[in-house]
Structures are given as structure tokens and as C-alpha cells.
Amino acid sequence: MDVGLWVAAIATGHVLVTIIALALRDIGSRGRRDDDAPGPESSGGGGGG
């Protein structure tokens, strides 16, 4: 196989893994934010806005 094919395959795999990791991290952060929203931050003394 050519080196270009290996590089393309590795790059594609790396990009897919990165996208999946970012998606899972985004979903996890959203879930945590939703769980923390009704917590003491909103009911307690948050920002004086």
C-alpha cells in the first residue's frame, strides 16, 4: 500500500474519533448543565442580573 493511503486512513479515523469525542463531551456537558440548572445556582444567590 502507498504511504498516502495509510496517512489518509489514519487521518480519517482520527477525525472520526475526534468528532465522536466532541459529540459525547457536548452531550455530557448539556446533561450536566440541565441537571445543575434547577439546583442552587438558579434558586440560590446566583448573578444579580
N, C-alpha and C. Protein backbone atom coordinates (compact mmCIF):
# COMPACT_ATOMS: atom_id res chain seq x y z
N MET A 1 0.85 -1.21 0.00
CA MET A 1 0.00 0.00 0.00
C MET A 1 0.87 1.25 0.00
N ASP A 2 0.34 2.31 -0.54
CA ASP A 2 1.09 3.56 -0.57
C ASP A 2 1.01 4.24 0.80
N VAL A 3 2.01 5.06 1.07
CA VAL A 3 2.01 5.78 2.35
C VAL A 3 0.82 6.74 2.40
N GLY A 4 0.45 7.30 1.25
CA GLY A 4 -0.67 8.24 1.22
C GLY A 4 -1.96 7.60 1.70
N LEU A 5 -2.16 6.32 1.33
CA LEU A 5 -3.38 5.63 1.76
C LEU A 5 -3.38 5.46 3.28
N TRP A 6 -2.22 5.08 3.82
CA TRP A 6 -2.13 4.93 5.28
C TRP A 6 -2.40 6.25 5.97
N VAL A 7 -1.78 7.32 5.45
CA VAL A 7 -1.97 8.64 6.06
C VAL A 7 -3.44 9.05 5.99
N ALA A 8 -4.07 8.81 4.83
CA ALA A 8 -5.49 9.17 4.67
C ALA A 8 -6.35 8.36 5.63
N ALA A 9 -6.06 7.07 5.75
CA ALA A 9 -6.86 6.22 6.64
C ALA A 9 -6.70 6.66 8.09
N ILE A 10 -5.46 6.91 8.50
CA ILE A 10 -5.22 7.33 9.88
C ILE A 10 -5.87 8.69 10.14
N ALA A 11 -5.74 9.61 9.18
CA ALA A 11 -6.34 10.94 9.36
C ALA A 11 -7.85 10.83 9.46
N THR A 12 -8.45 10.02 8.59
CA THR A 12 -9.92 9.86 8.62
C THR A 12 -10.36 9.27 9.95
N GLY A 13 -9.66 8.23 10.40
CA GLY A 13 -10.01 7.62 11.68
C GLY A 13 -9.86 8.61 12.82
N HIS A 14 -8.78 9.39 12.80
CA HIS A 14 -8.55 10.37 13.85
C HIS A 14 -9.65 11.41 13.86
N VAL A 15 -10.06 11.87 12.68
CA VAL A 15 -11.12 12.87 12.59
C VAL A 15 -12.43 12.30 13.13
N LEU A 16 -12.74 11.06 12.75
CA LEU A 16 -13.99 10.45 13.24
C LEU A 16 -13.96 10.32 14.75
N VAL A 17 -12.84 9.86 15.30
CA VAL A 17 -12.73 9.71 16.75
C VAL A 17 -12.88 11.07 17.44
N THR A 18 -12.26 12.11 16.84
CA THR A 18 -12.35 13.44 17.44
C THR A 18 -13.79 13.94 17.42
N ILE A 19 -14.48 13.75 16.29
CA ILE A 19 -15.87 14.21 16.19
C ILE A 19 -16.74 13.48 17.20
N ILE A 20 -16.56 12.17 17.32
CA ILE A 20 -17.36 11.39 18.27
C ILE A 20 -17.06 11.85 19.70
N ALA A 21 -15.79 12.07 20.01
CA ALA A 21 -15.42 12.50 21.35
C ALA A 21 -16.04 13.86 21.67
N LEU A 22 -15.98 14.79 20.71
CA LEU A 22 -16.56 16.11 20.93
C LEU A 22 -18.08 16.00 21.10
N ALA A 23 -18.71 15.15 20.30
CA ALA A 23 -20.17 14.99 20.40
C ALA A 23 -20.54 14.43 21.78
N LEU A 24 -19.84 13.39 22.22
CA LEU A 24 -20.14 12.81 23.53
C LEU A 24 -19.88 13.83 24.63
N ARG A 25 -18.80 14.59 24.51
CA ARG A 25 -18.48 15.61 25.52
C ARG A 25 -19.56 16.69 25.54
N ASP A 26 -20.05 17.08 24.34
CA ASP A 26 -21.09 18.11 24.26
C ASP A 26 -22.37 17.59 24.90
N ILE A 27 -22.74 16.34 24.59
CA ILE A 27 -23.96 15.76 25.17
C ILE A 27 -23.82 15.67 26.70
N GLY A 28 -22.66 15.24 27.16
CA GLY A 28 -22.45 15.13 28.60
C GLY A 28 -22.52 16.48 29.29
N SER A 29 -21.94 17.51 28.68
CA SER A 29 -21.97 18.84 29.28
C SER A 29 -23.39 19.37 29.31
N ARG A 30 -24.16 19.10 28.24
CA ARG A 30 -25.55 19.55 28.21
C ARG A 30 -26.35 18.88 29.32
N GLY A 31 -26.15 17.57 29.48
CA GLY A 31 -26.88 16.85 30.53
C GLY A 31 -26.53 17.40 31.90
N ARG A 32 -25.25 17.66 32.13
CA ARG A 32 -24.83 18.20 33.42
C ARG A 32 -25.42 19.58 33.64
N ARG A 33 -25.43 20.40 32.59
CA ARG A 33 -25.98 21.75 32.72
C ARG A 33 -27.47 21.68 33.07
N ASP A 34 -28.18 20.75 32.40
CA ASP A 34 -29.61 20.63 32.69
C ASP A 34 -29.83 20.17 34.13
N ASP A 35 -28.96 19.29 34.61
CA ASP A 35 -29.11 18.80 35.98
C ASP A 35 -28.75 19.89 36.99
N ASP A 36 -27.77 20.72 36.65
CA ASP A 36 -27.35 21.77 37.57
C ASP A 36 -28.26 22.99 37.50
N ALA A 37 -29.01 23.14 36.41
CA ALA A 37 -29.84 24.34 36.23
C ALA A 37 -30.83 24.52 37.38
N PRO A 38 -31.66 23.52 37.71
CA PRO A 38 -32.65 23.71 38.78
C PRO A 38 -32.03 23.66 40.17
N GLY A 39 -30.72 23.59 40.24
CA GLY A 39 -30.04 23.47 41.52
C GLY A 39 -29.93 24.81 42.24
N PRO A 40 -28.99 24.90 43.17
CA PRO A 40 -28.83 26.12 43.99
C PRO A 40 -28.41 27.32 43.17
N GLU A 41 -27.92 27.10 41.93
CA GLU A 41 -27.49 28.24 41.13
C GLU A 41 -28.67 29.12 40.75
N SER A 42 -29.80 28.49 40.39
CA SER A 42 -30.96 29.26 39.95
C SER A 42 -31.79 29.70 41.15
N SER A 43 -31.98 28.80 42.13
CA SER A 43 -32.82 29.13 43.28
C SER A 43 -32.05 29.97 44.29
N GLY A 44 -30.73 29.74 44.39
CA GLY A 44 -29.92 30.47 45.35
C GLY A 44 -29.48 31.81 44.81
N GLY A 45 -28.46 32.40 45.45
CA GLY A 45 -27.99 33.71 45.00
C GLY A 45 -27.00 33.56 43.88
N GLY A 46 -27.48 33.58 42.66
CA GLY A 46 -26.59 33.47 41.51
C GLY A 46 -26.07 34.84 41.14
N GLY A 47 -26.13 35.18 39.86
CA GLY A 47 -25.71 36.51 39.42
C GLY A 47 -26.85 37.50 39.63
N GLY A 48 -26.49 38.73 39.97
CA GLY A 48 -27.55 39.72 40.19
C GLY A 48 -27.98 40.34 38.88
N GLY A 49 -28.62 39.54 38.03
CA GLY A 49 -28.99 40.05 36.72
C GLY A 49 -30.37 40.43 36.69
